[in-house]
Amino acid sequence: MYKNAAYLKKYFLAHREVTKELVEKIDREHYGYQPTSTSMTAEQLVVHMLTAFHQFVSTAAGKNPENLHEDTENVSLNELAERYTQADVRLIESLDESALDETIDLTEMIGKKVPAWKVIEMAVDHEINHKGNLFVYVREMGYNQLPMFVK
């Protein structure tokens, strides 16, 4: 099954836009919120989602992931979501048909080699998984008017 850059961008943004809506609901005072003592904080979860996707899409594009923020930087999760989204869209848009068909060696991570388009698809699936966690976090913060899971 072949996916082109336009499809992958649309698929990504259909989920990332919902992630961004959820992130907008998290006030700084709730960045440290954890539903359980073994859970990531809200801030850690969002940063993990953003940086993991960026690592996947950078790998698919044959590039080293850029560090788009410093841990000491006083930036909101909303700003980080916007930075990473813009950078990831540019990376996806940079991939032509031959680049999307390139085989990416992920044997150390998942035990197999896959085409670049599949790496991006896996990155979206990873975000979908954690977006489900984020829905729980935001609901536990008291929000009950939440977006649909996809746009």
Protein backbone atom coordinates (compact mmCIF):
# COMPACT_ATOMS: atom_id res chain seq x y z
CA MET A 1 0.00 0.00 0.00
CA TYR A 2 1.50 3.31 -1.08
CA LYS A 3 0.82 6.63 0.62
CA ASN A 4 1.82 9.97 -0.88
CA ALA A 5 2.98 13.07 1.01
CA ALA A 6 -0.35 14.85 0.60
CA TYR A 7 -2.20 11.91 2.15
CA LEU A 8 0.31 11.56 5.00
CA LYS A 9 0.18 15.28 5.76
CA LYS A 10 -3.62 15.20 5.87
CA TYR A 11 -3.61 12.06 8.05
CA PHE A 12 -1.08 13.64 10.43
CA LEU A 13 -2.90 16.96 10.72
CA ALA A 14 -6.28 15.28 11.20
CA HIS A 15 -4.90 13.95 14.48
CA ARG A 16 -2.38 16.68 15.41
CA GLU A 17 -5.02 19.40 15.28
CA VAL A 18 -7.00 17.51 17.94
CA THR A 19 -3.84 17.02 19.98
CA LYS A 20 -3.26 20.78 19.81
CA GLU A 21 -6.84 21.45 20.96
CA LEU A 22 -6.28 19.22 23.98
CA VAL A 23 -2.91 20.86 24.72
CA GLU A 24 -4.57 24.30 24.66
CA LYS A 25 -6.70 23.21 27.63
CA ILE A 26 -3.68 22.47 29.83
CA ASP A 27 -2.83 25.51 31.95
CA ARG A 28 0.72 25.86 33.27
CA GLU A 29 -0.56 25.02 36.75
CA HIS A 30 -1.53 21.59 35.40
CA TYR A 31 1.74 20.80 33.60
CA GLY A 32 2.74 18.60 36.55
CA TYR A 33 -0.58 16.72 36.66
CA GLN A 34 -0.35 12.91 36.74
CA PRO A 35 -3.39 10.63 36.85
CA THR A 36 -1.29 8.07 38.76
CA SER A 37 2.08 8.19 40.47
CA THR A 38 3.60 6.07 37.68
CA SER A 39 2.18 8.19 34.84
CA MET A 40 4.08 10.84 32.94
CA THR A 41 3.15 14.39 33.90
CA ALA A 42 0.95 16.23 31.42
CA GLU A 43 4.00 18.19 30.27
CA GLN A 44 6.11 15.04 29.85
CA LEU A 45 3.34 13.34 27.88
CA VAL A 46 2.91 16.25 25.47
CA VAL A 47 6.66 16.69 24.98
CA HIS A 48 7.00 12.93 24.40
CA MET A 49 4.25 13.00 21.78
CA LEU A 50 5.77 15.96 19.95
CA THR A 51 9.39 14.83 20.05
CA ALA A 52 8.66 11.19 19.21
CA PHE A 53 6.68 12.16 16.12
CA HIS A 54 9.47 14.53 15.10
CA GLN A 55 12.05 11.76 15.50
CA PHE A 56 9.99 9.35 13.40
CA VAL A 57 9.33 11.82 10.57
CA SER A 58 12.95 13.03 10.58
CA THR A 59 14.10 9.42 10.26
CA ALA A 60 11.64 8.87 7.39
CA ALA A 61 13.08 11.96 5.69
CA GLY A 62 16.66 10.75 6.17
CA LYS A 63 17.53 13.60 8.53
CA ASN A 64 18.65 13.90 12.12
CA PRO A 65 15.84 15.34 14.25
CA GLU A 66 16.33 18.98 15.14
CA ASN A 67 16.11 19.99 18.77
CA LEU A 68 13.25 22.49 18.61
CA HIS A 69 13.39 23.44 22.27
CA GLU A 70 15.65 23.38 25.30
CA ASP A 71 14.53 21.89 28.61
CA THR A 72 15.36 25.18 30.32
CA GLU A 73 13.37 27.24 27.83
CA ASN A 74 10.27 28.84 29.32
CA VAL A 75 7.86 28.05 26.50
CA SER A 76 4.25 26.96 26.64
CA LEU A 77 3.11 23.55 25.49
CA ASN A 78 0.96 25.38 22.93
CA GLU A 79 4.05 27.01 21.43
CA LEU A 80 5.92 23.69 21.37
CA ALA A 81 2.99 22.00 19.64
CA GLU A 82 2.98 24.71 17.00
CA ARG A 83 6.77 24.57 16.47
CA TYR A 84 6.84 20.82 16.09
CA THR A 85 3.75 20.74 13.89
CA GLN A 86 5.19 23.29 11.46
CA ALA A 87 8.55 21.50 11.31
CA ASP A 88 6.91 18.11 10.80
CA VAL A 89 4.66 19.38 8.03
CA ARG A 90 7.74 20.76 6.24
CA LEU A 91 9.46 17.39 6.57
CA ILE A 92 6.47 15.48 5.22
CA GLU A 93 6.10 17.93 2.35
CA SER A 94 9.77 17.46 1.47
CA LEU A 95 9.25 13.77 0.68
CA ASP A 96 8.64 12.87 -2.94
CA GLU A 97 7.44 9.48 -4.18
CA SER A 98 10.90 7.94 -4.32
CA ALA A 99 11.76 9.18 -0.82
CA LEU A 100 8.53 7.74 0.57
CA ASP A 101 9.39 4.35 -0.95
CA GLU A 102 12.90 4.35 0.58
CA THR A 103 13.45 1.49 3.01
CA ILE A 104 14.17 2.63 6.56
CA ASP A 105 16.01 0.21 8.82
CA LEU A 106 14.15 0.07 12.13
CA THR A 107 15.39 -3.37 13.12
CA GLU A 108 16.85 -2.09 16.40
CA MET A 109 13.56 -0.39 17.34
CA ILE A 110 10.83 -2.68 15.96
CA GLY A 111 12.71 -5.58 14.41
CA LYS A 112 12.16 -4.84 10.74
CA LYS A 113 12.77 -2.56 7.78
CA VAL A 114 9.83 -0.54 6.45
CA PRO A 115 9.23 2.08 3.76
CA ALA A 116 9.44 5.72 4.82
CA TRP A 117 5.68 6.22 4.35
CA LYS A 118 5.09 3.44 6.87
CA VAL A 119 7.39 5.13 9.39
CA ILE A 120 5.23 8.26 9.18
CA GLU A 121 2.07 6.19 9.48
CA MET A 122 3.52 4.50 12.58
CA ALA A 123 4.36 7.93 14.03
CA VAL A 124 0.73 9.01 13.66
CA ASP A 125 -0.41 5.74 15.25
CA HIS A 126 1.93 6.41 18.19
CA GLU A 127 0.45 9.88 18.59
CA ILE A 128 -3.09 8.46 18.42
CA ASN A 129 -2.23 6.09 21.27
CA HIS A 130 -0.94 8.88 23.49
CA LYS A 131 -3.71 11.25 22.41
CA GLY A 132 -6.06 8.79 24.12
CA ASN A 133 -4.04 9.27 27.31
CA LEU A 134 -4.21 13.03 26.84
CA PHE A 135 -8.02 12.90 26.61
CA VAL A 136 -8.06 11.24 30.05
CA TYR A 137 -5.66 13.82 31.51
CA VAL A 138 -7.71 16.75 30.23
CA ARG A 139 -10.99 15.25 31.38
CA GLU A 140 -9.48 14.69 34.83
CA MET A 141 -8.47 18.37 34.83
CA GLY A 142 -12.20 19.13 34.74
CA TYR A 143 -12.92 19.62 31.05
CA ASN A 144 -15.95 17.90 29.62
CA GLN A 145 -16.30 19.76 26.31
CA LEU A 146 -13.69 17.90 24.30
CA PRO A 147 -13.09 17.60 20.56
CA MET A 148 -13.75 14.50 18.51
CA PHE A 149 -10.70 12.20 18.29
CA VAL A 150 -9.99 13.23 14.68
CA LYS A 151 -10.73 16.25 12.45
